[in-house]
Every structure is written in C-alpha cells, then in structure tokens.
Amino acid sequence: MHKFLNFILVVTLLVSGFIVYSLEHTTRGLEREIARSQRGIDEETENMRFLNAEWSSLTRPDRLRALAAQHLGLSTLKAWQIVKIGDIVTKVPPEPVIKLEAQGSDPIGSIIGKYQQ
C-alpha cells in the first residue's frame, strides 16, 4: 500500500511539474509577444511624431506662399482687390464675355477643341 501511495505521489508530482513548466513557457511566450507589441507601438508613436513635425514644416505659411507664387503665379491679397457689395456692379461686365454667335453653337467646346489639337 505504501508503494502504491508513493507511486501516486511521484506521478502527481511529475504531472504538476509538467503543468507548471508548460504554464511558465506559455507565460514567457506571452511576455515576449507583449514586449514585441509594445516596441511596435513605440515605433509607430515615434513615426507619428516625426510625420506631425514634417507636416508642420511642409504647411508653413511662408513656404506655401513661396510655392504658390512660384508654381501658380499667386500672390497675397492686396487692399485694392477688396470691393464693397455696391461696387460689384461696376466691376462685373453687364454682358457675358463669350457671346453665342449662332443658335446651337458651342463656344466652350470650340475652346476645348483648340487646346486638344
């Protein structure tokens, strides 16, 4: 009876040792995965900071003003360009710039056709 009880205790000890070892192995694997995820989060946070700084640099008003002047021929608004609502009548022509010569003609289509050639 003693031998059987000792055998059961040894088997129980071995099984519990195996269970503890497998739990430790699983726990360490999860810890490595958490550390890997944390490193990824830190890298992405750093990338976001870098991109925000780059975006701030690219959208500086003086840089955009220079690019608009260089590529688009735009400049800042001048005081003489501001008109009152009552002055619009004198600034806008009373008739359209493009007149239809004949009924059914397409002046915009002819302009587009000139540019396509």
N, C-alpha and C. Protein backbone atom coordinates (compact mmCIF):
# COMPACT_ATOMS: atom_id res chain seq x y z
N MET A 1 0.82 -1.18 0.00
CA MET A 1 0.00 0.00 0.00
C MET A 1 0.87 1.26 0.00
N HIS A 2 1.96 1.24 0.78
CA HIS A 2 2.87 2.37 0.82
C HIS A 2 3.50 2.63 -0.54
N LYS A 3 3.86 1.57 -1.22
CA LYS A 3 4.48 1.71 -2.53
C LYS A 3 3.50 2.32 -3.54
N PHE A 4 2.30 1.89 -3.49
CA PHE A 4 1.28 2.42 -4.39
C PHE A 4 1.03 3.91 -4.11
N LEU A 5 0.96 4.27 -2.84
CA LEU A 5 0.75 5.66 -2.46
C LEU A 5 1.94 6.51 -2.88
N ASN A 6 3.15 6.00 -2.69
CA ASN A 6 4.36 6.71 -3.13
C ASN A 6 4.36 6.88 -4.65
N PHE A 7 3.95 5.83 -5.35
CA PHE A 7 3.89 5.89 -6.81
C PHE A 7 2.90 6.98 -7.27
N ILE A 8 1.73 7.03 -6.66
CA ILE A 8 0.72 8.04 -6.99
C ILE A 8 1.27 9.44 -6.69
N LEU A 9 1.94 9.61 -5.57
CA LEU A 9 2.51 10.90 -5.21
C LEU A 9 3.60 11.32 -6.20
N VAL A 10 4.44 10.40 -6.63
CA VAL A 10 5.50 10.72 -7.60
C VAL A 10 4.88 11.09 -8.94
N VAL A 11 3.87 10.34 -9.37
CA VAL A 11 3.20 10.66 -10.64
C VAL A 11 2.52 12.02 -10.54
N THR A 12 1.87 12.30 -9.42
CA THR A 12 1.22 13.60 -9.22
C THR A 12 2.25 14.73 -9.24
N LEU A 13 3.39 14.51 -8.61
CA LEU A 13 4.47 15.49 -8.60
C LEU A 13 4.99 15.74 -10.01
N LEU A 14 5.19 14.68 -10.79
CA LEU A 14 5.67 14.84 -12.16
C LEU A 14 4.65 15.57 -13.04
N VAL A 15 3.38 15.21 -12.90
CA VAL A 15 2.33 15.86 -13.70
C VAL A 15 2.24 17.33 -13.32
N SER A 16 2.26 17.64 -12.01
CA SER A 16 2.18 19.03 -11.59
C SER A 16 3.43 19.80 -12.03
N GLY A 17 4.59 19.19 -12.03
CA GLY A 17 5.82 19.82 -12.52
C GLY A 17 5.70 20.13 -14.01
N PHE A 18 5.16 19.19 -14.78
CA PHE A 18 4.97 19.42 -16.21
C PHE A 18 3.99 20.55 -16.45
N ILE A 19 2.91 20.58 -15.68
CA ILE A 19 1.91 21.64 -15.83
C ILE A 19 2.52 23.01 -15.50
N VAL A 20 3.30 23.08 -14.41
CA VAL A 20 3.94 24.34 -14.04
C VAL A 20 4.93 24.77 -15.12
N TYR A 21 5.71 23.82 -15.66
CA TYR A 21 6.67 24.14 -16.71
C TYR A 21 5.95 24.66 -17.96
N SER A 22 4.86 24.01 -18.37
CA SER A 22 4.14 24.45 -19.56
C SER A 22 3.50 25.82 -19.34
N LEU A 23 2.99 26.08 -18.13
CA LEU A 23 2.44 27.40 -17.83
C LEU A 23 3.52 28.48 -17.87
N GLU A 24 4.71 28.15 -17.34
CA GLU A 24 5.80 29.11 -17.38
C GLU A 24 6.23 29.39 -18.82
N HIS A 25 6.30 28.35 -19.63
CA HIS A 25 6.68 28.50 -21.03
C HIS A 25 5.65 29.37 -21.78
N THR A 26 4.39 29.11 -21.55
CA THR A 26 3.33 29.90 -22.18
C THR A 26 3.38 31.35 -21.71
N THR A 27 3.61 31.56 -20.42
CA THR A 27 3.69 32.91 -19.86
C THR A 27 4.85 33.69 -20.46
N ARG A 28 6.01 33.05 -20.59
CA ARG A 28 7.16 33.74 -21.18
C ARG A 28 6.92 34.07 -22.65
N GLY A 29 6.25 33.18 -23.36
CA GLY A 29 5.91 33.46 -24.75
C GLY A 29 4.98 34.67 -24.86
N LEU A 30 3.99 34.73 -23.98
CA LEU A 30 3.08 35.88 -23.97
C LEU A 30 3.81 37.17 -23.58
N GLU A 31 4.75 37.07 -22.64
CA GLU A 31 5.53 38.25 -22.26
C GLU A 31 6.36 38.75 -23.45
N ARG A 32 6.96 37.82 -24.21
CA ARG A 32 7.72 38.23 -25.40
C ARG A 32 6.80 38.89 -26.43
N GLU A 33 5.60 38.35 -26.62
CA GLU A 33 4.65 38.93 -27.57
C GLU A 33 4.21 40.33 -27.12
N ILE A 34 3.99 40.51 -25.82
CA ILE A 34 3.62 41.82 -25.29
C ILE A 34 4.76 42.82 -25.49
N ALA A 35 5.99 42.39 -25.23
CA ALA A 35 7.14 43.28 -25.42
C ALA A 35 7.29 43.66 -26.89
N ARG A 36 7.07 42.70 -27.80
CA ARG A 36 7.15 42.97 -29.25
C ARG A 36 6.06 43.96 -29.65
N SER A 37 4.86 43.79 -29.13
CA SER A 37 3.76 44.72 -29.43
C SER A 37 4.06 46.11 -28.88
N GLN A 38 4.64 46.18 -27.69
CA GLN A 38 4.98 47.47 -27.10
C GLN A 38 6.04 48.18 -27.91
N ARG A 39 7.04 47.43 -28.42
CA ARG A 39 8.05 48.05 -29.28
C ARG A 39 7.42 48.58 -30.56
N GLY A 40 6.48 47.82 -31.12
CA GLY A 40 5.78 48.29 -32.32
C GLY A 40 4.98 49.56 -32.06
N ILE A 41 4.31 49.61 -30.91
CA ILE A 41 3.55 50.81 -30.54
C ILE A 41 4.48 52.00 -30.38
N ASP A 42 5.63 51.77 -29.72
CA ASP A 42 6.60 52.86 -29.54
C ASP A 42 7.13 53.36 -30.88
N GLU A 43 7.41 52.43 -31.82
CA GLU A 43 7.89 52.83 -33.14
C GLU A 43 6.84 53.64 -33.88
N GLU A 44 5.59 53.20 -33.83
CA GLU A 44 4.52 53.93 -34.52
C GLU A 44 4.29 55.30 -33.90
N THR A 45 4.40 55.40 -32.57
CA THR A 45 4.27 56.69 -31.90
C THR A 45 5.38 57.63 -32.35
N GLU A 46 6.58 57.11 -32.45
CA GLU A 46 7.71 57.93 -32.92
C GLU A 46 7.51 58.35 -34.37
N ASN A 47 7.00 57.43 -35.21
CA ASN A 47 6.71 57.77 -36.61
C ASN A 47 5.65 58.86 -36.69
N MET A 48 4.62 58.78 -35.85
CA MET A 48 3.57 59.80 -35.85
C MET A 48 4.14 61.16 -35.44
N ARG A 49 5.02 61.18 -34.45
CA ARG A 49 5.64 62.44 -34.05
C ARG A 49 6.48 63.01 -35.19
N PHE A 50 7.23 62.15 -35.86
CA PHE A 50 8.05 62.59 -36.98
C PHE A 50 7.18 63.14 -38.11
N LEU A 51 6.11 62.43 -38.44
CA LEU A 51 5.23 62.88 -39.52
C LEU A 51 4.50 64.18 -39.16
N ASN A 52 4.11 64.33 -37.91
CA ASN A 52 3.49 65.59 -37.48
C ASN A 52 4.47 66.76 -37.60
N ALA A 53 5.73 66.51 -37.23
CA ALA A 53 6.74 67.56 -37.36
C ALA A 53 6.98 67.89 -38.83
N GLU A 54 7.03 66.87 -39.68
CA GLU A 54 7.23 67.10 -41.10
C GLU A 54 6.03 67.84 -41.70
N TRP A 55 4.82 67.47 -41.30
CA TRP A 55 3.62 68.15 -41.79
C TRP A 55 3.63 69.62 -41.38
N SER A 56 4.04 69.90 -40.14
CA SER A 56 4.14 71.28 -39.68
C SER A 56 5.15 72.05 -40.51
N SER A 57 6.24 71.40 -40.86
CA SER A 57 7.25 72.05 -41.69
C SER A 57 6.74 72.32 -43.10
N LEU A 58 6.01 71.36 -43.67
CA LEU A 58 5.53 71.49 -45.04
C LEU A 58 4.39 72.50 -45.17
N THR A 59 3.64 72.73 -44.11
CA THR A 59 2.49 73.63 -44.20
C THR A 59 2.76 75.00 -43.59
N ARG A 60 4.03 75.37 -43.49
CA ARG A 60 4.35 76.72 -43.01
C ARG A 60 3.81 77.74 -44.00
N PRO A 61 3.18 78.80 -43.52
CA PRO A 61 2.60 79.80 -44.43
C PRO A 61 3.62 80.43 -45.37
N ASP A 62 4.83 80.71 -44.89
CA ASP A 62 5.82 81.33 -45.78
C ASP A 62 6.24 80.38 -46.89
N ARG A 63 6.34 79.10 -46.60
CA ARG A 63 6.69 78.11 -47.62
C ARG A 63 5.57 77.97 -48.64
N LEU A 64 4.32 77.89 -48.16
CA LEU A 64 3.19 77.78 -49.08
C LEU A 64 3.04 79.03 -49.94
N ARG A 65 3.31 80.19 -49.37
CA ARG A 65 3.23 81.43 -50.13
C ARG A 65 4.27 81.43 -51.25
N ALA A 66 5.49 80.99 -50.95
CA ALA A 66 6.54 80.94 -51.96
C ALA A 66 6.20 79.93 -53.06
N LEU A 67 5.66 78.77 -52.68
CA LEU A 67 5.28 77.76 -53.68
C LEU A 67 4.13 78.24 -54.55
N ALA A 68 3.17 78.91 -53.94
CA ALA A 68 2.04 79.43 -54.71
C ALA A 68 2.51 80.49 -55.70
N ALA A 69 3.43 81.34 -55.27
CA ALA A 69 3.95 82.37 -56.18
C ALA A 69 4.77 81.74 -57.30
N GLN A 70 5.53 80.71 -56.97
CA GLN A 70 6.42 80.08 -57.96
C GLN A 70 5.65 79.25 -58.98
N HIS A 71 4.73 78.41 -58.53
CA HIS A 71 4.08 77.44 -59.42
C HIS A 71 2.72 77.90 -59.93
N LEU A 72 2.01 78.70 -59.17
CA LEU A 72 0.66 79.08 -59.55
C LEU A 72 0.53 80.55 -59.96
N GLY A 73 1.58 81.31 -59.74
CA GLY A 73 1.51 82.72 -60.05
C GLY A 73 0.58 83.47 -59.11
N LEU A 74 0.39 82.96 -57.91
CA LEU A 74 -0.50 83.60 -56.93
C LEU A 74 0.31 84.50 -56.02
N SER A 75 -0.34 85.50 -55.50
CA SER A 75 0.29 86.38 -54.52
C SER A 75 -0.74 86.66 -53.42
N THR A 76 -0.30 87.40 -52.43
CA THR A 76 -1.22 87.69 -51.33
C THR A 76 -2.25 88.72 -51.77
N LEU A 77 -3.33 88.77 -51.07
CA LEU A 77 -4.43 89.68 -51.38
C LEU A 77 -4.02 91.11 -51.11
N LYS A 78 -4.25 91.98 -52.09
CA LYS A 78 -3.92 93.40 -51.95
C LYS A 78 -5.17 94.15 -51.51
N ALA A 79 -4.96 95.32 -50.92
CA ALA A 79 -6.08 96.11 -50.41
C ALA A 79 -6.98 96.60 -51.55
N TRP A 80 -6.41 96.89 -52.71
CA TRP A 80 -7.22 97.40 -53.82
C TRP A 80 -8.11 96.31 -54.44
N GLN A 81 -7.84 95.02 -54.10
CA GLN A 81 -8.65 93.93 -54.64
C GLN A 81 -9.95 93.74 -53.87
N ILE A 82 -10.06 94.34 -52.72
CA ILE A 82 -11.26 94.20 -51.89
C ILE A 82 -12.27 95.26 -52.34
N VAL A 83 -13.47 94.81 -52.68
CA VAL A 83 -14.52 95.74 -53.12
C VAL A 83 -15.74 95.58 -52.22
N LYS A 84 -16.53 96.63 -52.20
CA LYS A 84 -17.77 96.59 -51.43
C LYS A 84 -18.86 95.99 -52.32
N ILE A 85 -19.93 95.55 -51.71
CA ILE A 85 -21.01 94.91 -52.46
C ILE A 85 -21.61 95.89 -53.47
N GLY A 86 -21.71 97.14 -53.12
CA GLY A 86 -22.26 98.13 -54.04
C GLY A 86 -21.37 98.37 -55.25
N ASP A 87 -20.06 98.12 -55.13
CA ASP A 87 -19.12 98.36 -56.23
C ASP A 87 -19.03 97.19 -57.20
N ILE A 88 -19.67 96.10 -56.90
CA ILE A 88 -19.58 94.91 -57.77
C ILE A 88 -20.19 95.21 -59.14
N VAL A 89 -21.22 96.02 -59.18
CA VAL A 89 -21.88 96.34 -60.45
C VAL A 89 -20.88 97.01 -61.40
N THR A 90 -20.00 97.83 -60.89
CA THR A 90 -19.02 98.50 -61.76
C THR A 90 -17.87 97.58 -62.15
N LYS A 91 -17.62 96.53 -61.39
CA LYS A 91 -16.50 95.62 -61.67
C LYS A 91 -16.88 94.47 -62.59
N VAL A 92 -18.13 94.06 -62.57
CA VAL A 92 -18.58 92.91 -63.37
C VAL A 92 -19.18 93.45 -64.68
N PRO A 93 -18.78 92.89 -65.83
CA PRO A 93 -19.34 93.37 -67.09
C PRO A 93 -20.83 93.04 -67.19
N PRO A 94 -21.63 93.91 -67.84
CA PRO A 94 -23.07 93.69 -67.91
C PRO A 94 -23.43 92.52 -68.82
N GLU A 95 -22.60 92.22 -69.81
CA GLU A 95 -22.88 91.12 -70.72
C GLU A 95 -21.80 90.06 -70.58
N PRO A 96 -22.12 88.82 -70.88
CA PRO A 96 -21.10 87.78 -70.79
C PRO A 96 -19.97 88.03 -71.78
N VAL A 97 -18.78 87.56 -71.41
CA VAL A 97 -17.60 87.74 -72.25
C VAL A 97 -17.72 86.92 -73.52
N ILE A 98 -18.25 85.71 -73.43
CA ILE A 98 -18.42 84.84 -74.59
C ILE A 98 -19.85 85.00 -75.09
N LYS A 99 -19.99 85.41 -76.35
CA LYS A 99 -21.31 85.60 -76.93
C LYS A 99 -21.60 84.44 -77.87
N LEU A 100 -22.82 84.01 -77.86
CA LEU A 100 -23.22 82.96 -78.79
C LEU A 100 -23.47 83.61 -80.15
N GLU A 101 -22.70 83.21 -81.15
CA GLU A 101 -22.83 83.80 -82.48
C GLU A 101 -24.10 83.31 -83.18
N ALA A 102 -24.32 82.02 -83.09
CA ALA A 102 -25.50 81.46 -83.75
C ALA A 102 -26.17 80.51 -82.78
N GLN A 103 -27.43 80.30 -82.99
CA GLN A 103 -28.18 79.39 -82.13
C GLN A 103 -27.62 77.98 -82.31
N GLY A 104 -27.34 77.31 -81.22
CA GLY A 104 -26.85 75.94 -81.27
C GLY A 104 -25.33 75.83 -81.33
N SER A 105 -24.61 76.94 -81.33
CA SER A 105 -23.14 76.85 -81.35
C SER A 105 -22.64 76.57 -79.93
N ASP A 106 -21.46 76.02 -79.87
CA ASP A 106 -20.88 75.64 -78.59
C ASP A 106 -19.52 76.33 -78.44
N PRO A 107 -19.47 77.53 -77.87
CA PRO A 107 -18.20 78.25 -77.78
C PRO A 107 -17.20 77.57 -76.84
N ILE A 108 -17.68 76.99 -75.77
CA ILE A 108 -16.77 76.32 -74.84
C ILE A 108 -16.19 75.08 -75.49
N GLY A 109 -17.00 74.35 -76.23
CA GLY A 109 -16.50 73.17 -76.94
C GLY A 109 -15.45 73.54 -77.96
N SER A 110 -15.59 74.69 -78.64
CA SER A 110 -14.59 75.10 -79.61
C SER A 110 -13.29 75.50 -78.91
N ILE A 111 -13.39 76.10 -77.74
CA ILE A 111 -12.18 76.44 -76.98
C ILE A 111 -11.45 75.19 -76.55
N ILE A 112 -12.20 74.20 -76.07
CA ILE A 112 -11.59 72.92 -75.66
C ILE A 112 -10.97 72.24 -76.88
N GLY A 113 -11.63 72.31 -78.02
CA GLY A 113 -11.10 71.70 -79.24
C GLY A 113 -9.79 72.33 -79.67
N LYS A 114 -9.64 73.64 -79.48
CA LYS A 114 -8.38 74.31 -79.82
C LYS A 114 -7.24 73.79 -78.96
N TYR A 115 -7.52 73.56 -77.67
CA TYR A 115 -6.47 73.11 -76.77
C TYR A 115 -6.13 71.63 -76.95
N GLN A 116 -7.03 70.86 -77.49
CA GLN A 116 -6.77 69.44 -77.68
C GLN A 116 -5.90 69.19 -78.91
N GLN A 117 -5.81 70.11 -79.81
CA GLN A 117 -5.01 69.90 -81.03
C GLN A 117 -3.57 70.10 -80.79
